[in-house]
Protein backbone atom coordinates (compact mmCIF):
# COMPACT_ATOMS: atom_id res chain seq x y z
CA UNK A 1 -35.32 5.37 -14.66
CA UNK A 2 -31.85 7.00 -14.17
CA UNK A 3 -29.50 4.83 -12.10
CA UNK A 4 -26.14 5.97 -10.85
CA UNK A 5 -23.65 3.79 -8.91
CA UNK A 6 -21.03 5.77 -7.13
CA UNK A 7 -18.33 5.72 -4.68
CA UNK A 8 -15.49 7.89 -3.20
CA UNK A 9 -12.20 6.34 -3.64
CA UNK A 10 -9.34 7.11 -1.39
CA UNK A 11 -7.13 8.32 -4.25
CA UNK A 12 -7.52 9.41 -7.75
CA UNK A 13 -5.44 6.53 -9.18
CA UNK A 14 -7.87 4.02 -7.54
CA UNK A 15 -10.91 2.36 -9.27
CA UNK A 16 -13.73 0.88 -7.74
CA UNK A 17 -14.53 -2.83 -8.71
CA UNK A 18 -17.76 -3.35 -6.75
CA UNK A 19 -19.75 -0.80 -8.91
CA UNK A 20 -18.54 -2.29 -12.14
CA UNK A 21 -19.83 -5.65 -11.02
CA UNK A 22 -23.25 -4.04 -10.22
CA UNK A 23 -23.53 -2.38 -13.48
CA UNK A 24 -22.40 -5.47 -15.58
CA UNK A 25 -24.93 -7.83 -13.68
CA UNK A 26 -27.84 -5.34 -14.10
CA UNK A 27 -27.27 -4.99 -17.92
CA UNK A 28 -29.03 -5.45 -20.41
CA UNK A 29 -32.22 -4.98 -18.56
CA UNK A 30 -30.95 -1.68 -16.54
CA UNK A 31 -28.72 0.97 -17.74
CA UNK A 32 -26.39 2.02 -14.96
CA UNK A 33 -24.17 4.92 -15.07
CA UNK A 34 -20.87 5.02 -13.06
CA UNK A 35 -19.57 8.15 -11.24
CA UNK A 36 -16.30 8.12 -9.03
CA UNK A 37 -14.96 10.59 -6.88
CA UNK A 38 -12.26 10.69 -4.05
CA UNK A 39 -12.52 11.45 -0.44
CA UNK A 40 -10.46 14.54 -1.00
CA UNK A 41 -13.09 16.22 -3.44
CA UNK A 42 -15.12 18.75 -1.70
CA UNK A 43 -18.59 17.49 -0.94
CA UNK A 44 -20.34 20.50 -2.55
CA UNK A 45 -18.55 19.44 -5.91
CA UNK A 46 -19.46 15.98 -5.45
CA UNK A 47 -23.18 16.87 -4.81
CA UNK A 48 -23.30 19.44 -7.55
CA UNK A 49 -22.26 16.85 -10.13
CA UNK A 50 -24.64 14.05 -8.91
CA UNK A 51 -27.64 16.42 -8.80
CA UNK A 52 -26.92 17.77 -12.33
CA UNK A 53 -27.18 13.87 -13.44
CA UNK A 54 -30.77 13.81 -12.08
CA UNK A 55 -30.70 10.13 -10.86
CA UNK A 56 -33.72 8.17 -9.61
CA UNK A 57 -31.60 5.79 -7.77
CA UNK A 58 -28.34 6.53 -6.37
CA UNK A 59 -26.02 3.88 -4.77
CA UNK A 60 -22.92 4.30 -3.09
CA UNK A 61 -20.28 1.57 -2.44
CA UNK A 62 -19.23 2.09 1.25
CA UNK A 63 -15.83 1.49 3.20
CA UNK A 64 -14.20 2.49 6.27
CA UNK A 65 -12.24 4.99 4.43
CA UNK A 66 -15.31 6.70 2.72
CA UNK A 67 -18.23 6.25 4.89
CA UNK A 68 -18.13 9.53 6.89
CA UNK A 69 -17.62 11.53 3.68
CA UNK A 70 -20.29 9.53 1.83
CA UNK A 71 -22.90 10.37 4.68
CA UNK A 72 -22.06 14.00 4.26
CA UNK A 73 -22.82 13.74 0.56
CA UNK A 74 -25.91 11.96 0.79
CA UNK A 75 -27.34 14.29 3.57
CA UNK A 76 -26.96 17.23 1.41
CA UNK A 77 -28.39 15.28 -1.65
CA UNK A 78 -31.60 14.37 0.37
CA UNK A 79 -32.11 17.90 1.41
CA UNK A 80 -32.05 19.10 -2.14
CA UNK A 81 -34.12 16.22 -3.65
CA UNK A 82 -35.83 13.96 -1.17
CA UNK A 83 -37.21 11.80 -3.97
CA UNK A 84 -33.75 10.45 -5.01
CA UNK A 85 -33.57 6.87 -3.63
CA UNK A 86 -30.26 6.14 -1.84
CA UNK A 87 -28.96 2.88 -1.69
CA UNK A 88 -25.80 1.90 0.34
CA UNK A 89 -23.96 -1.35 -0.22
CA UNK A 90 -20.43 -2.53 0.69
CA UNK A 91 -18.43 -3.90 3.70
CA UNK A 92 -18.99 -0.99 6.07
CA UNK A 93 -22.70 -1.23 5.93
CA UNK A 94 -23.09 -4.94 5.61
CA UNK A 95 -22.79 -5.37 9.51
CA UNK A 96 -25.07 -3.41 12.20
CA UNK A 97 -27.25 -2.72 9.16
CA UNK A 98 -30.41 -2.03 11.31
CA UNK A 99 -28.22 0.32 13.16
CA UNK A 100 -27.24 2.15 10.22
CA UNK A 101 -30.97 2.81 8.85
CA UNK A 102 -31.85 3.69 12.21
CA UNK A 103 -29.16 6.39 12.61
CA UNK A 104 -29.32 7.73 9.03
CA UNK A 105 -32.66 8.59 7.84
CA UNK A 106 -31.09 10.01 4.64
CA UNK A 107 -30.11 6.42 3.76
CA UNK A 108 -33.35 4.60 2.11
CA UNK A 109 -31.95 1.20 1.42
CA UNK A 110 -28.95 -1.09 2.26
CA UNK A 111 -27.89 -4.07 0.21
CA UNK A 112 -26.07 -6.60 2.45
CA UNK A 113 -23.26 -8.82 1.30
CA UNK A 114 -22.73 -9.82 -2.34
CA UNK A 115 -24.76 -7.29 -4.24
CA UNK A 116 -25.05 -8.36 -7.79
CA UNK A 117 -28.38 -10.33 -7.42
CA UNK A 118 -29.76 -8.19 -4.75
CA UNK A 119 -29.14 -5.05 -6.59
CA UNK A 120 -30.66 -6.03 -9.90
CA UNK A 121 -33.66 -7.44 -8.05
CA UNK A 122 -33.99 -4.25 -6.26
CA UNK A 123 -33.93 -2.34 -9.68
CA UNK A 124 -36.62 -4.80 -10.85
CA UNK A 125 -39.01 -4.02 -7.71
CA UNK A 126 -38.09 -0.39 -7.73
CA UNK A 127 -39.32 -0.01 -11.39
CA UNK A 128 -42.31 -2.20 -10.79
CA UNK A 129 -45.91 -0.58 -10.46
CA UNK A 130 -46.33 -2.65 -7.56
CA UNK A 131 -42.97 -3.05 -5.85
CA UNK A 132 -42.43 -6.10 -3.34
CA UNK A 133 -39.26 -5.28 -1.45
CA UNK A 134 -39.56 -8.54 0.48
CA UNK A 135 -38.50 -10.41 -2.68
CA UNK A 136 -34.96 -8.65 -2.80
CA UNK A 137 -32.38 -10.69 -1.01
CA UNK A 138 -30.22 -9.09 1.63
CA UNK A 139 -32.06 -5.96 1.43
CA UNK A 140 -32.59 -3.53 4.52
CA UNK A 141 -35.47 -1.22 4.26
CA UNK A 142 -38.05 0.68 6.20
CA UNK A 143 -41.64 -0.50 6.59
CA UNK A 144 -44.36 1.23 8.83
CA UNK A 145 -41.56 2.96 10.56
CA UNK A 146 -39.45 -0.11 11.39
CA UNK A 147 -36.43 -1.49 9.84
CA UNK A 148 -36.75 -4.86 7.91
CA UNK A 149 -33.82 -6.81 6.81
CA UNK A 150 -34.34 -9.87 4.17
CA UNK A 151 -32.45 -13.01 4.33
CA UNK A 152 -29.54 -13.05 1.82
CA UNK A 153 -29.65 -15.19 -1.07
CA UNK A 154 -27.22 -18.33 -1.55
CA UNK A 155 -23.84 -17.67 -2.89
CA UNK A 156 -23.58 -16.43 -6.43
CA UNK A 157 -22.16 -18.63 -8.98
CA UNK A 158 -19.00 -16.72 -9.83
CA UNK A 159 -18.38 -18.35 -13.22
CA UNK A 160 -21.73 -16.83 -14.37
CA UNK A 161 -20.91 -13.16 -13.46
CA UNK A 162 -20.11 -10.97 -16.53
CA UNK A 163 -17.06 -9.17 -16.96
CA UNK A 164 -16.79 -5.96 -15.17
CA UNK A 165 -13.72 -4.76 -17.02
CA UNK A 166 -14.79 -4.19 -20.42
CA UNK A 167 -16.80 -0.76 -20.23
CA UNK A 168 -15.36 1.45 -23.09
CA UNK A 169 -15.18 4.64 -20.92
CA UNK A 170 -12.57 3.05 -18.57
CA UNK A 171 -10.22 2.15 -21.29
CA UNK A 172 -8.57 5.69 -21.64
CA UNK A 173 -7.74 5.55 -17.94
CA UNK A 174 -6.37 2.19 -17.66
CA UNK A 175 -2.66 3.19 -17.97
CA UNK A 176 -3.21 6.00 -15.33
CA UNK A 177 -4.93 4.16 -12.47
CA UNK A 178 -4.68 0.91 -10.58
CA UNK A 179 -6.85 -1.89 -12.10
CA UNK A 180 -8.24 -4.28 -9.45
CA UNK A 181 -9.06 -7.64 -10.46
CA UNK A 182 -10.79 -10.71 -8.64
CA UNK A 183 -10.21 -14.34 -9.42
CA UNK A 184 -11.81 -15.69 -6.17
CA UNK A 185 -13.93 -14.69 -3.25
CA UNK A 186 -13.59 -15.79 0.43
CA UNK A 187 -10.72 -16.69 2.56
CA UNK A 188 -9.62 -20.12 4.16
CA UNK A 189 -8.42 -18.56 7.21
CA UNK A 190 -10.33 -17.18 10.28
CA UNK A 191 -8.15 -14.12 11.46
CA UNK A 192 -10.61 -12.36 13.99
CA UNK A 193 -9.50 -8.69 12.86
CA UNK A 194 -10.47 -9.31 9.32
CA UNK A 195 -13.82 -9.24 7.68
CA UNK A 196 -12.76 -11.89 4.99
CA UNK A 197 -12.76 -14.46 7.93
CA UNK A 198 -16.52 -14.36 8.08
CA UNK A 199 -17.22 -15.66 4.94
CA UNK A 200 -16.34 -19.63 4.82
CA UNK A 201 -14.69 -21.29 1.84
CA UNK A 202 -13.06 -19.87 -1.47
CA UNK A 203 -14.91 -19.74 -4.56
CA UNK A 204 -13.21 -19.34 -8.14
CA UNK A 205 -14.24 -17.32 -11.09
CA UNK A 206 -13.80 -18.99 -14.61
CA UNK A 207 -10.06 -19.15 -15.30
CA UNK A 208 -10.22 -18.66 -19.05
CA UNK A 209 -12.53 -15.60 -18.80
CA UNK A 210 -10.14 -14.14 -16.27
CA UNK A 211 -7.25 -14.66 -18.81
CA UNK A 212 -9.22 -13.16 -21.49
CA UNK A 213 -9.96 -10.01 -19.09
CA UNK A 214 -6.26 -9.56 -18.40
CA UNK A 215 -5.34 -9.82 -22.15
CA UNK A 216 -7.83 -7.28 -22.88
CA UNK A 217 -6.69 -5.00 -19.97
CA UNK A 218 -2.98 -5.19 -21.08
CA UNK A 219 -4.03 -4.55 -24.61
CA UNK A 220 -5.65 -1.40 -23.61
CA UNK A 221 -2.80 -0.03 -21.66
CA UNK A 222 -3.16 -1.15 -18.06
CA UNK A 223 0.11 -0.92 -16.27
CA UNK A 224 -0.60 -1.71 -12.62
CA UNK A 225 -3.14 -4.72 -12.27
CA UNK A 226 -3.83 -5.54 -8.45
CA UNK A 227 -5.43 -8.98 -7.72
CA UNK A 228 -7.66 -8.36 -4.64
CA UNK A 229 -7.87 -12.19 -3.71
CA UNK A 230 -7.44 -12.54 -0.02
CA UNK A 231 -5.14 -15.56 -0.46
CA UNK A 232 -3.92 -15.69 -4.07
CA UNK A 233 -1.89 -18.91 -3.49
CA UNK A 234 -4.18 -20.97 -1.39
CA UNK A 235 -4.40 -23.43 -4.61
CA UNK A 236 -0.63 -24.20 -5.49
CA UNK A 237 -1.96 -25.53 -8.81
CA UNK A 238 -4.08 -22.49 -9.44
CA UNK A 239 -1.37 -19.92 -8.54
CA UNK A 240 1.16 -21.90 -10.56
CA UNK A 241 -1.18 -21.84 -13.61
CA UNK A 242 -1.72 -18.03 -13.28
CA UNK A 243 2.00 -17.32 -12.59
CA UNK A 244 2.86 -19.11 -15.92
CA UNK A 245 0.14 -17.47 -17.82
CA UNK A 246 1.23 -13.83 -16.63
CA UNK A 247 5.04 -14.63 -17.40
CA UNK A 248 4.20 -15.82 -20.99
CA UNK A 249 1.67 -13.45 -21.98
CA UNK A 250 2.47 -10.07 -20.04
CA UNK A 251 3.11 -6.91 -21.83
CA UNK A 252 6.41 -5.18 -20.71
CA UNK A 253 6.04 -2.45 -18.27
CA UNK A 254 2.95 -4.03 -16.73
CA UNK A 255 3.25 -5.05 -12.98
CA UNK A 256 0.98 -7.63 -11.17
CA UNK A 257 0.35 -7.41 -7.34
CA UNK A 258 -0.79 -10.28 -5.12
CA UNK A 259 -1.67 -10.77 -1.58
CA UNK A 260 -0.02 -14.01 -0.63
CA UNK A 261 0.22 -16.27 2.29
CA UNK A 262 3.97 -16.70 2.63
CA UNK A 263 4.04 -19.70 4.93
CA UNK A 264 2.22 -21.97 2.80
CA UNK A 265 4.17 -21.15 -0.39
CA UNK A 266 6.28 -24.08 -1.52
CA UNK A 267 10.03 -23.66 -2.24
CA UNK A 268 9.61 -25.05 -5.71
CA UNK A 269 7.15 -22.41 -6.48
CA UNK A 270 9.48 -19.64 -5.50
CA UNK A 271 12.36 -21.29 -7.52
CA UNK A 272 10.14 -21.34 -10.46
CA UNK A 273 9.39 -17.53 -10.10
CA UNK A 274 13.01 -16.84 -9.37
CA UNK A 275 14.15 -18.61 -12.76
CA UNK A 276 11.09 -17.48 -14.80
CA UNK A 277 9.69 -14.29 -13.89
CA UNK A 278 11.07 -10.94 -15.27
CA UNK A 279 12.38 -8.65 -12.72
CA UNK A 280 9.69 -6.38 -11.71
CA UNK A 281 6.73 -8.19 -13.26
CA UNK A 282 5.41 -9.37 -9.83
CA UNK A 283 4.83 -7.83 -6.38
CA UNK A 284 3.74 -9.60 -3.19
CA UNK A 285 2.05 -8.26 -0.17
CA UNK A 286 2.38 -10.39 2.70
CA UNK A 287 0.57 -10.07 6.00
CA UNK A 288 2.65 -11.05 9.03
CA UNK A 289 0.89 -8.95 11.70
CA UNK A 290 2.74 -10.29 14.63
CA UNK A 291 5.22 -12.74 15.43
CA UNK A 292 3.66 -13.35 19.06
CA UNK A 293 2.30 -16.85 19.05
CA UNK A 294 -0.10 -16.26 21.82
CA UNK A 295 -1.36 -13.21 20.04
CA UNK A 296 -1.83 -15.23 16.87
CA UNK A 297 -3.50 -17.64 18.79
CA UNK A 298 -5.99 -15.31 20.48
CA UNK A 299 -6.88 -13.86 16.99
CA UNK A 300 -7.17 -17.48 15.40
CA UNK A 301 -4.45 -16.62 13.04
CA UNK A 302 -2.32 -19.95 11.82
CA UNK A 303 1.25 -18.85 10.88
CA UNK A 304 4.49 -20.68 10.83
CA UNK A 305 6.97 -17.76 11.19
CA UNK A 306 9.83 -19.66 10.20
CA UNK A 307 8.31 -21.02 6.99
CA UNK A 308 7.19 -17.38 6.26
CA UNK A 309 10.59 -16.18 6.82
CA UNK A 310 12.04 -18.76 4.44
CA UNK A 311 9.80 -17.68 1.76
CA UNK A 312 10.36 -13.99 2.11
CA UNK A 313 14.26 -14.76 2.19
CA UNK A 314 14.29 -16.98 -1.06
CA UNK A 315 12.00 -14.39 -2.93
CA UNK A 316 14.45 -11.48 -1.81
CA UNK A 317 17.53 -13.65 -2.81
CA UNK A 318 16.10 -14.22 -6.15
CA UNK A 319 16.01 -10.51 -6.75
CA UNK A 320 12.92 -10.62 -9.05
CA UNK A 321 9.90 -9.57 -6.85
CA UNK A 322 9.51 -6.61 -4.30
CA UNK A 323 7.75 -7.56 -1.15
CA UNK A 324 5.56 -5.44 1.13
CA UNK A 325 5.11 -6.71 4.65
CA UNK A 326 2.41 -5.78 6.94
CA UNK A 327 2.29 -5.33 10.62
CA UNK A 328 -0.62 -4.54 12.88
CA UNK A 329 0.03 -2.89 16.43
CA UNK A 330 -2.58 -3.31 18.91
CA UNK A 331 -3.56 -6.88 18.50
CA UNK A 332 -4.72 -8.74 21.81
CA UNK A 333 -2.11 -9.28 24.44
CA UNK A 334 0.92 -7.57 22.31
CA UNK A 335 2.39 -4.94 24.41
CA UNK A 336 4.83 -2.26 23.47
CA UNK A 337 7.91 -4.56 24.10
CA UNK A 338 6.24 -7.60 22.25
CA UNK A 339 5.48 -5.20 19.31
CA UNK A 340 9.14 -4.32 19.31
CA UNK A 341 10.24 -7.78 18.90
CA UNK A 342 7.68 -8.32 16.10
CA UNK A 343 8.97 -5.11 14.37
CA UNK A 344 12.50 -6.44 14.70
CA UNK A 345 11.88 -10.05 13.57
CA UNK A 346 10.27 -8.61 10.37
CA UNK A 347 12.72 -5.90 9.72
CA UNK A 348 15.55 -8.47 9.84
CA UNK A 349 14.20 -9.94 6.47
CA UNK A 350 14.79 -6.19 5.04
CA UNK A 351 11.51 -6.04 3.09
CA UNK A 352 11.28 -3.47 0.38
CA UNK A 353 8.34 -2.12 2.30
CA UNK A 354 7.23 -2.49 5.78
CA UNK A 355 3.69 -1.21 6.53
CA UNK A 356 2.94 -0.33 9.99
CA UNK A 357 -0.59 -0.20 10.68
CA UNK A 358 -2.84 0.00 13.71
CA UNK A 359 -5.67 -2.40 14.63
CA UNK A 360 -9.21 -1.24 13.45
CA UNK A 361 -12.11 -2.62 15.20
CA UNK A 362 -13.94 -3.50 11.99
CA UNK A 363 -17.96 -4.05 12.29
CA UNK A 364 -18.67 -7.81 12.35
CA UNK A 365 -15.17 -8.93 13.41
CA UNK A 366 -14.53 -11.12 16.20
CA UNK A 367 -12.06 -8.63 17.87
CA UNK A 368 -14.82 -6.06 17.94
CA UNK A 369 -17.44 -8.60 19.23
CA UNK A 370 -15.09 -9.53 22.09
CA UNK A 371 -13.62 -6.07 22.45
CA UNK A 372 -14.30 -6.03 26.42
CA UNK A 373 -12.20 -9.22 26.86
CA UNK A 374 -9.18 -7.02 26.40
CA UNK A 375 -10.46 -3.50 27.42
CA UNK A 376 -10.27 -2.15 24.15
CA UNK A 377 -11.07 1.38 23.58
CA UNK A 378 -11.50 2.75 19.97
CA UNK A 379 -12.86 5.59 17.83
CA UNK A 380 -16.69 5.51 17.38
CA UNK A 381 -16.47 6.49 13.92
CA UNK A 382 -14.61 4.88 10.93
CA UNK A 383 -11.90 3.91 10.72
CA UNK A 384 -12.56 2.60 14.29
CA UNK A 385 -8.96 2.63 15.15
CA UNK A 386 -8.10 1.48 18.61
CA UNK A 387 -7.03 3.97 21.37
CA UNK A 388 -5.69 1.50 23.83
CA UNK A 389 -6.27 -1.84 25.54
CA UNK A 390 -5.23 -3.74 28.61
CA UNK A 391 -1.49 -3.98 27.71
CA UNK A 392 -1.06 -1.14 25.09
CA UNK A 393 -2.17 2.25 26.73
CA UNK A 394 -2.68 5.12 24.42
CA UNK A 395 0.68 6.63 25.11
CA UNK A 396 2.46 3.62 23.80
CA UNK A 397 0.42 3.68 20.59
CA UNK A 398 1.61 7.25 20.12
CA UNK A 399 5.16 6.08 20.58
CA UNK A 400 4.69 3.57 17.77
CA UNK A 401 2.87 6.07 15.59
CA UNK A 402 6.27 7.93 15.78
CA UNK A 403 8.00 4.94 14.32
CA UNK A 404 5.47 4.70 11.61
CA UNK A 405 5.98 8.19 10.59
CA UNK A 406 9.83 8.09 10.08
CA UNK A 407 9.59 4.30 8.81
CA UNK A 408 7.62 5.55 5.77
CA UNK A 409 9.72 8.38 5.05
CA UNK A 410 13.18 6.83 5.49
CA UNK A 411 12.74 3.18 4.84
CA UNK A 412 9.86 2.55 2.58
CA UNK A 413 10.98 5.61 0.23
CA UNK A 414 14.50 4.15 -0.09
CA UNK A 415 15.89 7.50 0.04
CA UNK A 416 19.02 6.46 2.13
CA UNK A 417 19.21 2.78 2.33
CA UNK A 418 23.02 2.67 2.86
CA UNK A 419 22.76 5.14 5.79
CA UNK A 420 19.69 3.37 7.52
CA UNK A 421 21.73 -0.12 7.10
CA UNK A 422 24.59 1.36 8.79
CA UNK A 423 22.61 2.90 11.65
CA UNK A 424 20.75 0.05 12.58
CA UNK A 425 23.62 -2.40 12.32
CA UNK A 426 26.50 -0.37 14.10
CA UNK A 427 24.99 2.61 15.85
CA UNK A 428 21.51 1.70 17.40
CA UNK A 429 20.63 -1.41 19.37
CA UNK A 430 17.89 -2.50 17.09
CA UNK A 431 16.19 -1.38 13.88
CA UNK A 432 12.95 -0.64 16.18
CA UNK A 433 15.22 1.55 18.64
CA UNK A 434 16.61 3.59 15.73
CA UNK A 435 13.16 4.45 14.17
CA UNK A 436 11.70 5.13 17.75
CA UNK A 437 14.37 7.28 18.90
CA UNK A 438 14.42 9.21 15.60
CA UNK A 439 10.38 9.25 15.54
CA UNK A 440 10.27 10.74 19.03
CA UNK A 441 12.84 13.42 18.17
CA UNK A 442 11.03 14.06 14.97
CA UNK A 443 7.76 14.50 16.77
CA UNK A 444 9.50 16.74 19.48
CA UNK A 445 10.60 19.16 16.84
CA UNK A 446 7.09 19.54 15.29
CA UNK A 447 8.37 18.22 11.77
CA UNK A 448 5.29 16.03 11.62
CA UNK A 449 3.14 19.08 11.05
CA UNK A 450 5.10 20.72 8.24
CA UNK A 451 6.32 19.76 4.80
CA UNK A 452 9.70 18.76 3.70
CA UNK A 453 11.90 18.53 0.59
CA UNK A 454 14.42 15.75 -0.02
CA UNK A 455 17.15 17.84 1.51
CA UNK A 456 15.13 18.33 4.64
CA UNK A 457 15.00 14.81 5.34
CA UNK A 458 18.83 14.46 5.08
CA UNK A 459 19.35 17.75 7.16
CA UNK A 460 16.77 16.45 9.78
CA UNK A 461 18.33 13.18 10.21
CA UNK A 462 21.86 14.78 10.45
CA UNK A 463 20.65 16.98 13.05
CA UNK A 464 19.22 14.17 15.02
CA UNK A 465 22.48 11.96 15.02
CA UNK A 466 24.69 14.98 15.79
CA UNK A 467 22.74 16.08 18.66
CA UNK A 468 22.45 12.45 19.99
CA UNK A 469 26.51 12.42 19.67
CA UNK A 470 26.76 9.16 17.90
CA UNK A 471 30.36 7.74 17.17
CA UNK A 472 31.68 7.64 13.76
CA UNK A 473 29.52 10.58 12.54
CA UNK A 474 31.83 11.13 9.90
CA UNK A 475 31.27 7.70 8.35
CA UNK A 476 27.49 8.23 8.53
CA UNK A 477 27.73 11.76 6.77
CA UNK A 478 29.83 10.23 4.13
CA UNK A 479 27.04 7.33 3.55
CA UNK A 480 24.42 10.22 3.62
CA UNK A 481 26.35 11.98 0.70
CA UNK A 482 26.41 8.81 -1.25
CA UNK A 483 22.69 8.14 -0.74
CA UNK A 484 22.02 11.70 -1.71
CA UNK A 485 24.04 12.02 -4.61
CA UNK A 486 23.26 8.67 -6.14
CA UNK A 487 19.49 9.54 -6.29
CA UNK A 488 19.93 12.67 -8.26
CA UNK A 489 19.83 12.60 -12.18
CA UNK A 490 21.66 15.80 -12.36
CA UNK A 491 24.33 17.40 -10.21
CA UNK A 492 22.47 19.20 -7.38
CA UNK A 493 22.80 22.92 -7.23
CA UNK A 494 23.18 23.19 -3.36
CA UNK A 495 23.64 19.87 -1.45
CA UNK A 496 22.37 19.62 2.14
CA UNK A 497 25.82 19.59 3.74
CA UNK A 498 28.16 22.50 4.55
CA UNK A 499 31.62 20.82 4.70
CA UNK A 500 33.01 20.94 1.06
CA UNK A 501 36.49 21.61 -0.65
CA UNK A 502 37.64 25.13 -0.85
CA UNK A 503 38.06 26.38 -4.68
CA UNK A 504 41.67 25.79 -4.51
CA UNK A 505 41.45 22.30 -3.19
CA UNK A 506 38.69 21.52 -5.62
CA UNK A 507 40.89 22.70 -8.61
CA UNK A 508 43.83 20.36 -7.55
CA UNK A 509 41.56 17.44 -7.08
CA UNK A 510 40.09 17.95 -10.85
CA UNK A 511 43.60 18.30 -12.29
CA UNK A 512 44.80 15.12 -10.55
CA UNK A 513 41.71 13.44 -12.03
CA UNK A 514 42.30 14.99 -15.55
CA UNK A 515 45.71 13.81 -15.73
CA UNK A 516 45.02 10.10 -14.44
CA UNK A 517 41.33 9.34 -14.69
CA UNK A 518 42.13 5.61 -13.89
CA UNK A 519 42.63 6.59 -10.32
CA UNK A 520 38.67 6.70 -10.20
CA UNK A 521 38.30 3.38 -11.71
CA UNK A 522 38.22 1.67 -14.94
CA UNK A 523 34.46 2.78 -15.54
CA UNK A 524 35.40 6.36 -14.89
CA UNK A 525 38.27 6.40 -17.48
CA UNK A 526 36.11 4.71 -20.19
CA UNK A 527 34.09 8.00 -20.00
CA UNK A 528 37.05 9.89 -21.76
CA UNK A 529 35.95 13.00 -20.37
CA UNK A 530 37.45 16.12 -21.74
CA UNK A 531 38.37 18.95 -19.25
CA UNK A 532 35.26 20.89 -19.94
CA UNK A 533 33.06 17.84 -19.56
CA UNK A 534 34.85 17.03 -16.24
CA UNK A 535 34.20 20.29 -14.72
CA UNK A 536 30.53 20.50 -16.07
CA UNK A 537 29.39 16.97 -15.36
CA UNK A 538 31.38 15.75 -12.51
CA UNK A 539 30.96 16.33 -8.76
CA UNK A 540 33.85 16.02 -6.18
CA UNK A 541 33.07 15.70 -2.37
CA UNK A 542 35.18 14.69 0.62
CA UNK A 543 34.38 11.15 1.96
CA UNK A 544 36.03 9.19 4.79
CA UNK A 545 35.88 5.76 3.24
CA UNK A 546 36.68 3.97 -0.15
CA UNK A 547 33.48 3.85 -2.17
CA UNK A 548 34.79 1.08 -4.56
CA UNK A 549 35.24 -1.42 -1.70
CA UNK A 550 31.96 -0.32 -0.18
CA UNK A 551 30.10 -0.99 -3.52
CA UNK A 552 31.63 -4.21 -3.80
CA UNK A 553 31.67 -5.82 -0.45
CA UNK A 554 29.61 -3.38 1.87
CA UNK A 555 32.74 -2.89 3.96
CA UNK A 556 33.54 0.61 5.47
CA UNK A 557 37.37 0.81 5.07
CA UNK A 558 38.31 4.28 6.68
CA UNK A 559 40.45 6.16 4.35
CA UNK A 560 40.22 9.91 3.37
CA UNK A 561 38.89 9.80 -0.30
CA UNK A 562 37.43 12.03 -3.00
CA UNK A 563 34.04 10.96 -3.85
CA UNK A 564 33.64 11.29 -7.84
CA UNK A 565 30.03 11.39 -9.13
CA UNK A 566 29.68 11.59 -12.79
CA UNK A 567 26.08 12.85 -13.93
CA UNK A 568 25.25 11.87 -17.65
CA UNK A 569 23.90 14.91 -19.21
CA UNK A 570 20.91 12.95 -20.66
CA UNK A 571 19.74 12.22 -17.12
CA UNK A 572 20.39 8.46 -16.98
CA UNK A 573 21.80 8.77 -13.35
CA UNK A 574 25.27 8.92 -11.86
CA UNK A 575 28.46 6.96 -12.02
CA UNK A 576 30.03 6.73 -8.54
CA UNK A 577 33.63 6.01 -7.61
CA UNK A 578 36.36 7.65 -5.44
CA UNK A 579 40.17 7.93 -5.16
CA UNK A 580 42.38 8.48 -2.14
CA UNK A 581 42.94 12.04 -1.37
């Protein structure tokens, strides 16, 4: 019997943990082949590859990001070979299961909930000469034209699950893809927009086995290891033990990513990480979602924002760990102006990344079950994103999407941090207002529908600020030059701005610098550049403030200056200074 477990990942760099658990648990009684694709792959290519493998049983791991494409694939497969048994599993089909089978005759079976025991028992029955599908826990199937749904089994003892990380064919790809690792299942919280709230309690895998798996993954080249635990730090003693282990035994260049609940993290844990963790070893994802107390109450989300802010601030001050904070627009009773406050509350902490998402009415969640209470309208198909509710009309959702677009391009990408910091502090009323005004302008120009190079991003921001007629535009232009040039490895051939020194002016500035390199600072003098090296590797531009003072204190001291940017010929990055013109 040929068995294939497959899925369509969102990106090539992702790996699917679920199908690896199924394979590991089914062995050695059954041999399961894995076949992963992406949602960007043409359906015909996926179908051709799977048909060529000649499966008898073909299982798919289903999520909101791949369900529509997966259905297209299995519809084609069933037309080509109706004898292939199609099995679905995963969070997207665990709820409204009967409806899925009634709507999609191309799907033969659905495994609900945890799949390890159920899938293996399904294979046992499928291979039997007298199969009895009623013995398969959590299986939905058709019998006499009607859909039957068996009761699920009790919770699996996670300490008994074999490792899904040791398949030899995965080893060559560990350094090229994100490796997902699970040390617990379940969540202690009851947030009504999240599927994790449905499973009560938290269960842990065997700690020593997990450590051995991590050692194996690092030894075989894994670079990015992401823990999928819903609340990694719910047990302080467990989190501390794992942090200590990872600090002590990590391989240089490896990054570990966690989802943490920030308001329950104790200061002594953060102090330990700030003192002991190497810079860049850890990365935190923190779901804030909303700072509106009433909204959080409605979705049964317990959150102490002051304690959350304390954690984020302490971690940021430590300078060791990048933080990715999440917001959800469209939660109950959070209108446009309330969301503006939420955004500004969170942006005030200056996270390295701020992810702005929109509420998705996931099957099985409380917000979907009680959607009528807040007049929600939402997409009929995955990802079930909201289109409006009683306090947030579609027009306001579009406005917030404009914010999301430029936030990703201009803050999360860190292409011009100094410029954005100045604009939100001195030019616009708040961070949200800057991103909203610029996002609306961006949208009005049709830029969301076309591609852009780095230079385009600077030109488009400059055009917006110029048309808005902001004060101190020359200061902002200077900051934009610094941001742009500091992110180049080599001297750019044609910078995005037009205002440059004439050939005569440039020659006199170079001669001045050649005669007295100390005017650009001790670091520049220490380079001991020859005249040839100076002209070849150094860029001079106009700037209306002293860059040395700005780099040291953050103060903008208006003074006509010459920006000096030396680009190391080995591509190590620039040394930036200035001198009074």
